[in-house]
Amino acid sequence: MPDAPQITEKAVEAAVAAALTAISAATDSSALKAARTAHSGEASALAGFNAARLARLAVGRDGLDAADERLGFAREHVDQADLDGLVELRLAEAHVALAHGRRDEALQLAEEACAAVGDTESLTYRAEAAALRAAILDEEPAEAVELYERKGNVAAAARLRALVTAKAPR
């Protein structure tokens, strides 16, 4: 399984800009408190993004109940207009669906993630989506390996190659 992506500079900049806009628009202490809660609290889009990341990790580490719980929180809080948040959510949904044995649903969600990042420069997300799609289809993750190598993430590329080698019949 590929590493969970790091929070990107672009996502942080967008979150900061949105928070500053909301703070600037606050006309009283109640509005300021609401802005703080919306942009830095548990109800923020960043909290939803993090919950989606944790749902992916929970599949193998904490079990499906924990993954489902984190995924539910992520669905409620990820900003659908935020590309990073949306992709992270789709990847998490695909991982959880696959773990539940719902391959068709997992493939559809992985394809949605691939389509969302297909024309972007986000090589990590493109590689993760391609690797997940390949795993669902039981194919070699050649595209993902190439994307990781282009990114310079030789560790992730090597990990995928090792998984392919381990699965090869002997």
C-alpha atoms as a PDB file:
ATOM      1  CA  MET A   1       0.000   0.000   0.000  1.00  0.00           C
ATOM      2  CA  PRO A   2       1.431   3.432  -0.891  1.00  0.00           C
ATOM      3  CA  ASP A   3       2.253   5.901   1.821  1.00  0.00           C
ATOM      4  CA  ALA A   4      -0.500   8.277   2.840  1.00  0.00           C
ATOM      5  CA  PRO A   5       0.190  11.606   1.153  1.00  0.00           C
ATOM      6  CA  GLN A   6       1.567  14.550   3.013  1.00  0.00           C
ATOM      7  CA  ILE A   7      -0.570  17.610   3.497  1.00  0.00           C
ATOM      8  CA  THR A   8       0.351  19.730   0.504  1.00  0.00           C
ATOM      9  CA  GLU A   9       1.500  23.329   0.556  1.00  0.00           C
ATOM     10  CA  LYS A  10      -1.370  24.169  -1.802  1.00  0.00           C
ATOM     11  CA  ALA A  11      -3.946  22.679   0.587  1.00  0.00           C
ATOM     12  CA  VAL A  12      -2.473  24.537   3.546  1.00  0.00           C
ATOM     13  CA  GLU A  13      -2.405  27.815   1.619  1.00  0.00           C
ATOM     14  CA  ALA A  14      -6.049  27.347   0.607  1.00  0.00           C
ATOM     15  CA  ALA A  15      -7.069  26.557   4.194  1.00  0.00           C
ATOM     16  CA  VAL A  16      -5.218  29.595   5.531  1.00  0.00           C
ATOM     17  CA  ALA A  17      -6.731  31.866   2.872  1.00  0.00           C
ATOM     18  CA  ALA A  18     -10.243  30.618   3.621  1.00  0.00           C
ATOM     19  CA  ALA A  19      -9.707  31.056   7.364  1.00  0.00           C
ATOM     20  CA  LEU A  20      -8.350  34.581   6.955  1.00  0.00           C
ATOM     21  CA  THR A  21     -11.280  35.521   4.738  1.00  0.00           C
ATOM     22  CA  ALA A  22     -13.751  34.204   7.314  1.00  0.00           C
ATOM     23  CA  ILE A  23     -11.959  35.966  10.165  1.00  0.00           C
ATOM     24  CA  SER A  24     -11.894  39.237   8.226  1.00  0.00           C
ATOM     25  CA  ALA A  25     -15.618  38.942   7.530  1.00  0.00           C
ATOM     26  CA  ALA A  26     -16.482  38.352  11.202  1.00  0.00           C
ATOM     27  CA  THR A  27     -18.348  41.330  12.602  1.00  0.00           C
ATOM     28  CA  ASP A  28     -18.634  40.218  16.233  1.00  0.00           C
ATOM     29  CA  SER A  29     -17.170  37.696  18.662  1.00  0.00           C
ATOM     30  CA  SER A  30     -19.848  35.119  17.850  1.00  0.00           C
ATOM     31  CA  ALA A  31     -18.981  35.233  14.158  1.00  0.00           C
ATOM     32  CA  LEU A  32     -15.288  35.085  15.003  1.00  0.00           C
ATOM     33  CA  LYS A  33     -15.855  31.982  17.141  1.00  0.00           C
ATOM     34  CA  ALA A  34     -17.848  30.374  14.330  1.00  0.00           C
ATOM     35  CA  ALA A  35     -15.027  31.126  11.871  1.00  0.00           C
ATOM     36  CA  ARG A  36     -12.469  29.602  14.218  1.00  0.00           C
ATOM     37  CA  THR A  37     -14.550  26.458  14.671  1.00  0.00           C
ATOM     38  CA  ALA A  38     -15.195  26.114  10.943  1.00  0.00           C
ATOM     39  CA  HIS A  39     -11.552  26.527   9.956  1.00  0.00           C
ATOM     40  CA  SER A  40      -9.538  24.984  12.751  1.00  0.00           C
ATOM     41  CA  GLY A  41     -11.854  22.834  14.812  1.00  0.00           C
ATOM     42  CA  GLU A  42     -13.177  19.337  14.481  1.00  0.00           C
ATOM     43  CA  ALA A  43     -15.837  20.522  12.045  1.00  0.00           C
ATOM     44  CA  SER A  44     -13.293  21.982   9.608  1.00  0.00           C
ATOM     45  CA  ALA A  45     -12.554  20.720   6.119  1.00  0.00           C
ATOM     46  CA  LEU A  46      -8.993  20.029   7.272  1.00  0.00           C
ATOM     47  CA  ALA A  47     -10.351  17.715   9.966  1.00  0.00           C
ATOM     48  CA  GLY A  48     -12.343  15.923   7.267  1.00  0.00           C
ATOM     49  CA  PHE A  49      -9.244  15.630   5.075  1.00  0.00           C
ATOM     50  CA  ASN A  50      -7.300  14.154   7.988  1.00  0.00           C
ATOM     51  CA  ALA A  51     -10.157  11.760   8.798  1.00  0.00           C
ATOM     52  CA  ALA A  52     -10.075  10.483   5.208  1.00  0.00           C
ATOM     53  CA  ARG A  53      -6.323   9.908   5.464  1.00  0.00           C
ATOM     54  CA  LEU A  54      -6.810   8.103   8.764  1.00  0.00           C
ATOM     55  CA  ALA A  55      -9.607   5.960   7.302  1.00  0.00           C
ATOM     56  CA  ARG A  56      -7.170   4.628   4.694  1.00  0.00           C
ATOM     57  CA  LEU A  57      -4.613   3.811   7.357  1.00  0.00           C
ATOM     58  CA  ALA A  58      -7.227   2.305   9.674  1.00  0.00           C
ATOM     59  CA  VAL A  59      -8.198  -0.374   7.155  1.00  0.00           C
ATOM     60  CA  GLY A  60      -5.056  -2.363   7.865  1.00  0.00           C
ATOM     61  CA  ARG A  61      -4.150  -1.060  11.278  1.00  0.00           C
ATOM     62  CA  ASP A  62      -7.313  -0.480  13.326  1.00  0.00           C
ATOM     63  CA  GLY A  63      -9.924  -2.535  11.492  1.00  0.00           C
ATOM     64  CA  LEU A  64     -12.955  -1.842   9.357  1.00  0.00           C
ATOM     65  CA  ASP A  65     -15.145  -0.450  12.136  1.00  0.00           C
ATOM     66  CA  ALA A  66     -12.601   2.288  12.829  1.00  0.00           C
ATOM     67  CA  ALA A  67     -12.144   2.898   9.101  1.00  0.00           C
ATOM     68  CA  ASP A  68     -15.908   3.186   8.591  1.00  0.00           C
ATOM     69  CA  GLU A  69     -16.197   5.622  11.488  1.00  0.00           C
ATOM     70  CA  ARG A  70     -13.415   7.854  10.197  1.00  0.00           C
ATOM     71  CA  LEU A  71     -14.813   7.666   6.691  1.00  0.00           C
ATOM     72  CA  GLY A  72     -18.245   8.776   7.911  1.00  0.00           C
ATOM     73  CA  PHE A  73     -16.679  11.792   9.609  1.00  0.00           C
ATOM     74  CA  ALA A  74     -14.675  12.578   6.478  1.00  0.00           C
ATOM     75  CA  ARG A  75     -17.778  12.450   4.266  1.00  0.00           C
ATOM     76  CA  GLU A  76     -19.462  15.016   6.485  1.00  0.00           C
ATOM     77  CA  HIS A  77     -16.515  17.393   6.647  1.00  0.00           C
ATOM     78  CA  VAL A  78     -14.441  17.217   3.463  1.00  0.00           C
ATOM     79  CA  ASP A  79     -14.980  20.273   1.302  1.00  0.00           C
ATOM     80  CA  GLN A  80     -16.149  18.832  -2.042  1.00  0.00           C
ATOM     81  CA  ALA A  81     -14.748  21.913  -3.801  1.00  0.00           C
ATOM     82  CA  ASP A  82     -11.234  21.158  -2.491  1.00  0.00           C
ATOM     83  CA  LEU A  83      -9.472  18.856  -4.962  1.00  0.00           C
ATOM     84  CA  ASP A  84      -7.056  17.417  -2.391  1.00  0.00           C
ATOM     85  CA  GLY A  85      -9.874  16.752   0.049  1.00  0.00           C
ATOM     86  CA  LEU A  86     -12.076  15.175  -2.610  1.00  0.00           C
ATOM     87  CA  VAL A  87      -9.298  12.921  -3.891  1.00  0.00           C
ATOM     88  CA  GLU A  88      -8.310  11.891  -0.380  1.00  0.00           C
ATOM     89  CA  LEU A  89     -11.957  11.067   0.324  1.00  0.00           C
ATOM     90  CA  ARG A  90     -12.366   9.006  -2.873  1.00  0.00           C
ATOM     91  CA  LEU A  91      -9.161   7.086  -2.152  1.00  0.00           C
ATOM     92  CA  ALA A  92     -10.324   6.381   1.390  1.00  0.00           C
ATOM     93  CA  GLU A  93     -13.770   5.312   0.195  1.00  0.00           C
ATOM     94  CA  ALA A  94     -12.158   2.990  -2.367  1.00  0.00           C
ATOM     95  CA  HIS A  95      -9.823   1.435   0.218  1.00  0.00           C
ATOM     96  CA  VAL A  96     -12.681   0.836   2.627  1.00  0.00           C
ATOM     97  CA  ALA A  97     -14.997  -0.519  -0.084  1.00  0.00           C
ATOM     98  CA  LEU A  98     -12.274  -2.910  -1.232  1.00  0.00           C
ATOM     99  CA  ALA A  99     -11.665  -4.067   2.335  1.00  0.00           C
ATOM    100  CA  HIS A 100     -15.393  -4.796   2.613  1.00  0.00           C
ATOM    101  CA  GLY A 101     -15.195  -6.859  -0.597  1.00  0.00           C
ATOM    102  CA  ARG A 102     -17.089  -4.353  -2.747  1.00  0.00           C
ATOM    103  CA  ARG A 103     -14.679  -4.417  -5.715  1.00  0.00           C
ATOM    104  CA  ASP A 104     -16.973  -2.733  -8.260  1.00  0.00           C
ATOM    105  CA  GLU A 105     -17.625   0.171  -5.911  1.00  0.00           C
ATOM    106  CA  ALA A 106     -13.933   0.387  -5.049  1.00  0.00           C
ATOM    107  CA  LEU A 107     -13.010   0.488  -8.737  1.00  0.00           C
ATOM    108  CA  GLN A 108     -15.550   3.225  -9.462  1.00  0.00           C
ATOM    109  CA  LEU A 109     -14.193   5.332  -6.586  1.00  0.00           C
ATOM    110  CA  ALA A 110     -10.575   4.742  -7.634  1.00  0.00           C
ATOM    111  CA  GLU A 111     -11.503   5.764 -11.192  1.00  0.00           C
ATOM    112  CA  GLU A 112     -13.102   8.943  -9.819  1.00  0.00           C
ATOM    113  CA  ALA A 113      -9.877   9.724  -7.960  1.00  0.00           C
ATOM    114  CA  CYS A 114      -7.851   9.042 -11.120  1.00  0.00           C
ATOM    115  CA  ALA A 115     -10.100  11.303 -13.176  1.00  0.00           C
ATOM    116  CA  ALA A 116      -9.963  14.097 -10.592  1.00  0.00           C
ATOM    117  CA  VAL A 117      -6.154  14.235 -10.610  1.00  0.00           C
ATOM    118  CA  GLY A 118      -5.495  13.056 -14.153  1.00  0.00           C
ATOM    119  CA  ASP A 119      -4.610  16.460 -15.576  1.00  0.00           C
ATOM    120  CA  THR A 120      -2.911  17.850 -12.482  1.00  0.00           C
ATOM    121  CA  GLU A 121       0.721  17.993 -11.447  1.00  0.00           C
ATOM    122  CA  SER A 122      -0.078  16.052  -8.261  1.00  0.00           C
ATOM    123  CA  LEU A 123       2.143  13.061  -9.012  1.00  0.00           C
ATOM    124  CA  THR A 124       1.673  11.542  -5.557  1.00  0.00           C
ATOM    125  CA  TYR A 125      -2.116  11.452  -5.784  1.00  0.00           C
ATOM    126  CA  ARG A 126      -1.951  10.283  -9.394  1.00  0.00           C
ATOM    127  CA  ALA A 127       0.395   7.461  -8.361  1.00  0.00           C
ATOM    128  CA  GLU A 128      -1.743   6.475  -5.383  1.00  0.00           C
ATOM    129  CA  ALA A 129      -4.904   6.401  -7.457  1.00  0.00           C
ATOM    130  CA  ALA A 130      -3.181   4.394 -10.205  1.00  0.00           C
ATOM    131  CA  ALA A 131      -1.732   1.941  -7.673  1.00  0.00           C
ATOM    132  CA  LEU A 132      -5.115   1.424  -6.062  1.00  0.00           C
ATOM    133  CA  ARG A 133      -6.809   0.929  -9.424  1.00  0.00           C
ATOM    134  CA  ALA A 134      -4.140  -1.631 -10.381  1.00  0.00           C
ATOM    135  CA  ALA A 135      -4.590  -3.464  -7.067  1.00  0.00           C
ATOM    136  CA  ILE A 136      -8.366  -3.635  -7.527  1.00  0.00           C
ATOM    137  CA  LEU A 137      -7.938  -4.962 -11.074  1.00  0.00           C
ATOM    138  CA  ASP A 138      -5.128  -7.302  -9.964  1.00  0.00           C
ATOM    139  CA  GLU A 139      -2.771  -5.693 -12.485  1.00  0.00           C
ATOM    140  CA  GLU A 140       0.826  -4.614 -12.196  1.00  0.00           C
ATOM    141  CA  PRO A 141       1.088  -0.990 -11.022  1.00  0.00           C
ATOM    142  CA  ALA A 142       3.412   0.132 -13.824  1.00  0.00           C
ATOM    143  CA  GLU A 143       1.798   3.562 -14.162  1.00  0.00           C
ATOM    144  CA  ALA A 144       2.029   4.170 -10.422  1.00  0.00           C
ATOM    145  CA  VAL A 145       5.681   3.103 -10.327  1.00  0.00           C
ATOM    146  CA  GLU A 146       6.486   5.467 -13.202  1.00  0.00           C
ATOM    147  CA  LEU A 147       4.679   8.362 -11.499  1.00  0.00           C
ATOM    148  CA  TYR A 148       6.459   7.741  -8.187  1.00  0.00           C
ATOM    149  CA  GLU A 149       9.794   7.657 -10.013  1.00  0.00           C
ATOM    150  CA  ARG A 150       8.993  10.919 -11.806  1.00  0.00           C
ATOM    151  CA  LYS A 151       8.157  12.427  -8.431  1.00  0.00           C
ATOM    152  CA  GLY A 152      11.463  11.152  -7.069  1.00  0.00           C
ATOM    153  CA  ASN A 153       9.770   8.905  -4.510  1.00  0.00           C
ATOM    154  CA  VAL A 154      12.014   5.904  -5.122  1.00  0.00           C
ATOM    155  CA  ALA A 155      10.956   4.306  -1.822  1.00  0.00           C
ATOM    156  CA  ALA A 156       7.300   4.133  -2.860  1.00  0.00           C
ATOM    157  CA  ALA A 157       8.255   2.849  -6.321  1.00  0.00           C
ATOM    158  CA  ALA A 158      10.458   0.166  -4.749  1.00  0.00           C
ATOM    159  CA  ARG A 159       7.676  -0.821  -2.338  1.00  0.00           C
ATOM    160  CA  LEU A 160       5.254  -1.319  -5.241  1.00  0.00           C
ATOM    161  CA  ARG A 161       7.834  -3.366  -7.156  1.00  0.00           C
ATOM    162  CA  ALA A 162       8.405  -5.497  -4.058  1.00  0.00           C
ATOM    163  CA  LEU A 163       4.669  -6.137  -3.755  1.00  0.00           C
ATOM    164  CA  VAL A 164       4.530  -7.250  -7.392  1.00  0.00           C
ATOM    165  CA  THR A 165       7.540  -9.525  -6.880  1.00  0.00           C
ATOM    166  CA  ALA A 166       6.017 -11.023  -3.720  1.00  0.00           C
ATOM    167  CA  LYS A 167       2.779 -11.796  -5.600  1.00  0.00           C
ATOM    168  CA  ALA A 168       4.539 -13.411  -8.568  1.00  0.00           C
ATOM    169  CA  PRO A 169       4.101 -17.191  -8.813  1.00  0.00           C
ATOM    170  CA  ARG A 170       7.240 -19.137  -8.033  1.00  0.00           C
END
